[in-house]
Each structure stands twice: as C-alpha cells, then as structure tokens.
Amino acid sequence: MLLGGTVVDGSGADAREADIGILGDSIAAIGDLSRAEATTTLDATGLVVAPGFINLHSHASADGLPTAVNMLSQGVTTEIMNADGRSPLDLRAQMDTLAAGGLAVNVGAMIGFNTVWGSVVDDGVRPTDAQIVEMQALVEDGLEAGAWGVSAGLDYVPGYYATTDEVVRVLEPFGAWGRDSGGAAGGDRPGPLGLPAPVFSNHDRVTPESGYSSVAGMTETVEIGRRTGLLPLITHMKVQGWEQGSASTILERMTEVETSLDGGAAADVYPYLAGQTGLGALIIPAWAMVGGPEAALERFADPELRVRIVDEANEAISLRFGGPDGVYLLDSGRELTDVMDEMELEDPGETVVRILETSGNEGIIARFGLEADLIEIMQHPTASIACDCGASTSDRVHPRFWGSYPKVLGEFVREKQVMSLEEAIHKMSGLPARTIGMRDRGLLQVGLAADVVVFDPETVIDHATYEEPTRMSDGIVHVIVNGRMAWQDGAATGIRAGRALQRPVPGQR
C-alpha cells in the first residue's frame, strides 16, 4: 500500500492526494486507506504516484531485459519492441524466449514491415501481386501473434525500396483489425474488442528526391495511415536540418486525419536534439547499399560511382545534420570533424566512405534540431513521450537510454514549465496505452494492472550526457511492475515480474 502520495492517474486529470492499495498484480483501491491493513506499506508523502511509463519505441536487447536497470531508473514499466521496421517474423517465439529469460519490465511487440519486405522481395525489385499477398500473410501472422501494430523504417533499407503505393497495398487489409467492418477508416468507431485500429509506426523517409525533407517523410506516414485505416504514428518525431522551425507544418497535417485519437495522427518524441543511428544508414544513398555491405564496398571501389556516392553523402550530411559538425562517432568517441583532420580531408562524405571501408558501420550521434520545434511537438495533444531506447547493458549508447523520462519531468516540466505535470505523465502512460489499444494499464484505476512509479517532483532529473551516457538519473524512488517492487529506494531489487503482453486478437478472449 502506498500512503500519502500525490496521485497523478495518467488520464490528464488534476493531481490529488490519495492512497493506493495493491492486491496481487492489480490496483485494488484508491482513496483514504489510512484504516486499511496491508502486509507492506510505503510512505509516499511528498512524492508523486503515477502509472508506470510506457515506451512506445523500444530497442530493448534480450540481455538487458532481465535487469532493465536503465529503464526502471527512469520509471518505465512497459516497452513496445521491434521499432523502425525490424522484427523477427515469429513474434510468438520472440516473446516466449524473452519471457523464459526473465523480464524486469513488461514487453510487447510490433511486426516489422522492413523484415516482412526483405524476406519476400529482393533489393530494388518491384513486388509481384503474389508477393504482396505473401507479405500480407506475414503481417497477419504478426497481428495474430499479438503485435500492437506494424512498425516500419522507410528511411532504411530494405523498407526504403518500397513505394508508398506498395506499402499501402501490403497494409490495407488491416485497418479494420479488431474493429467493426463498417467503421470509417482510421476513425473512432471501435469494434467488438473496443480497440482502435492498429498503429502504423514509421521512421519517416527523408530522401534526396524530396530535398531531404523530414516534413515530406512525415506526411508520407500520415498518408499511409489515412489510406490503409491504420493509425499513423510518426515515431521519434523531429524536424531536421534545413527545415528547422517548421514543426507547425506537419502538426497541422496530423490534425487533418480522422483517427481514434482526438487531435488526429499520433506521434512519439524524445527530449533530445540529436539521434543515434549507424554511420552509413542515413548518409550513404540507398541505391549504393543494394545487396548489402559487400556490394556497397564494391561500389566504393568504382571511381565513377564513388564520386556520386560521396556527392550524395555530402548533401545528406549538409541538409540533414547541418554539416560535419552534426556527426559524432559513437563507437570511437570522436567528432567527424576530428577524423577529417586526422585523415587530412576537407570532404565529410569521402571521410565517411573511408571509415566504412576500414572500420565498418559504427554508431553515430546525429544532431538535427531546434528546441522550439521539440517543445511544440511535445505539447501536441497526440504526441506521447518515448525514448527510442530500451533495456540495455551497453555503455555505447545515446543518453536517452538513461535519461529521457526524468529529463522531461525535471527540465521541461519543473524548470522550463512547458508542460504541466499531469500533461507530461499522461503523455508517458495513458496516451501511449490508448494509442496502441492497451486497455489494462497506463492509468491508475481500480482493476487495472499495478504498474506504478513513485518519484520526487523536486529532484527528478537526468544526468546522462553524450560523453557519459550511462549516468543514472535522480528522483525515481520506487517502481512497481505487476504488483511487485522492481525498484525500491532508488535501486533495482532484481525481481523479474515483467510479462510479455499481446494485443487482443479478434475471435479470442
């Protein structure tokens, strides 16, 4: 039982003083429980009691999930895995394997469009009608296995090779999944299961053809959702490079789509102005990567192709990241500009090609945006807070792996006051649950799962930096997962109470 805390229930409603009673794995009572008896009582006076945070965009690793210290220390209790279009085809086996290894937090899965596409269609080849049907069957298998939606990374190969129309053809049978057949595409009429349409979560495609326009890429995500009936979810939403300052353009387009969310298309966003990816993933043109790394190296060795590759890489670095100053090499801990100096090169594209030739595709931190855009996105009514991170044991990570949620609560709520506490917690719990159709958690409500975070609103703050990305945040006091104490007094207990969570499937109870 949690006594005397300030309860923020995840719905967006005003905070109130209340006690929380937990029985087994569920919330049993909320109110004045001072006369109730309990086997364990925790004093939450002066602390905020909220639903456990739900990370819609998880890159959790199998070796990180049994302990999940970096996520529990942020207040996260549930992770939705297989982001950016990458997943196993057999989601049941994935979830069974993860559960067998022990889970410190709950996990759910997306079915990955990129994996589906790459398992059926050769690089750069147009799919046949039969292959479209084959890919539809694989997506359906994923949804039947309990996937919470379809993730895509149309900015990454092999998803990059699919045209918008081809993505729509693969996904259009699933807009009414779990909903009334007469419901409007993307609308708010739930089916017998009371669920919204599954989400289409996409790392937007930023291409040379669009002038490296992130707005164009996000518009494509919204359009695919509109045409298929899936709920479009612009993931790790950002406005990059030369388009900085234009967040309102895409936010307005999101509101034009009728969905199950008041406010239109959905988004998730992390509170940083730099991302993490592979050195070649967003810099080397997709045509140069057809056939994989070995084929790319052969193209690098062709003098004429190398000139074209370097020119297009330079354009990407300039328009996406503001030039070579925007790229930090994560694995070696160096700025790209420092490597240019060491190699005595003035050309960042040539430098990237040489690194790929000698060292392989190391991780990078890619700087991209303006805080004004970030704040405008975070404030949007359908934008959830996520971290583009996940349970991990690596020390070569983005600081978002350790700091995202405390950073929002400490910097953007307490210090900068760009969101209320209630609004921020709604965006970390109730809103992401509603976005993907998760009905049994995300709110502090009697009968729902007892996933709870208790934190100090006066001290919660991140400490992770790009140079020291694994520094633990302050202020997360307790975390309860399915009624059991996973994080107590600022430290992991080692209890593995997490579960593999499946989205309800039509015809099943």
Foldseek 3Di string as FASTA:
>chain_A
DEAFAFEQWLPLDDTDTWGWDDDFFFTADIHDCVVPDDPDYDYQHLWYKYFQFEFAFAPADLVQFLQLLLRVLLRHAEYEDDAAQGDDLQVLVVQVVSVVSFGLHAYEYAHGLQVLCVVQDAALDDDDPVSLVSSLVSNVNRQVSFHLAYHHECQFPPVVNDDLVSLLSSQQVQLQFQADPPDQQQAQHGHPVNAWGREYEYAFHQAVVVLRFVLVRLLSQLVSSQSRSHQREDEQDAGFAPRAPPLVVSQVVQQVGHHSDNSHHAYEHFQDQKDKDWLCGNQFDPVLQRPHLVSNLVLCVPVVSVVVRLVSSQSRCCRGQVGQQQKAFQVVGGRLVVQCVVVVHPRSSVSSSVCCVPPNTGMIIGGTHDNVSRLVQLPRQRYAYHQSYHRDPDFRDALSSRFGNLACLAPVCPPVNSDDPSSNLSSRFVNVCNSSVNDQTRTRDGPHGPWMWMWNSVQRGGDAHSVGSNDHTDTTAWTAHSRHTQHHGHHGPSDRPYHHDGHDGPPDD
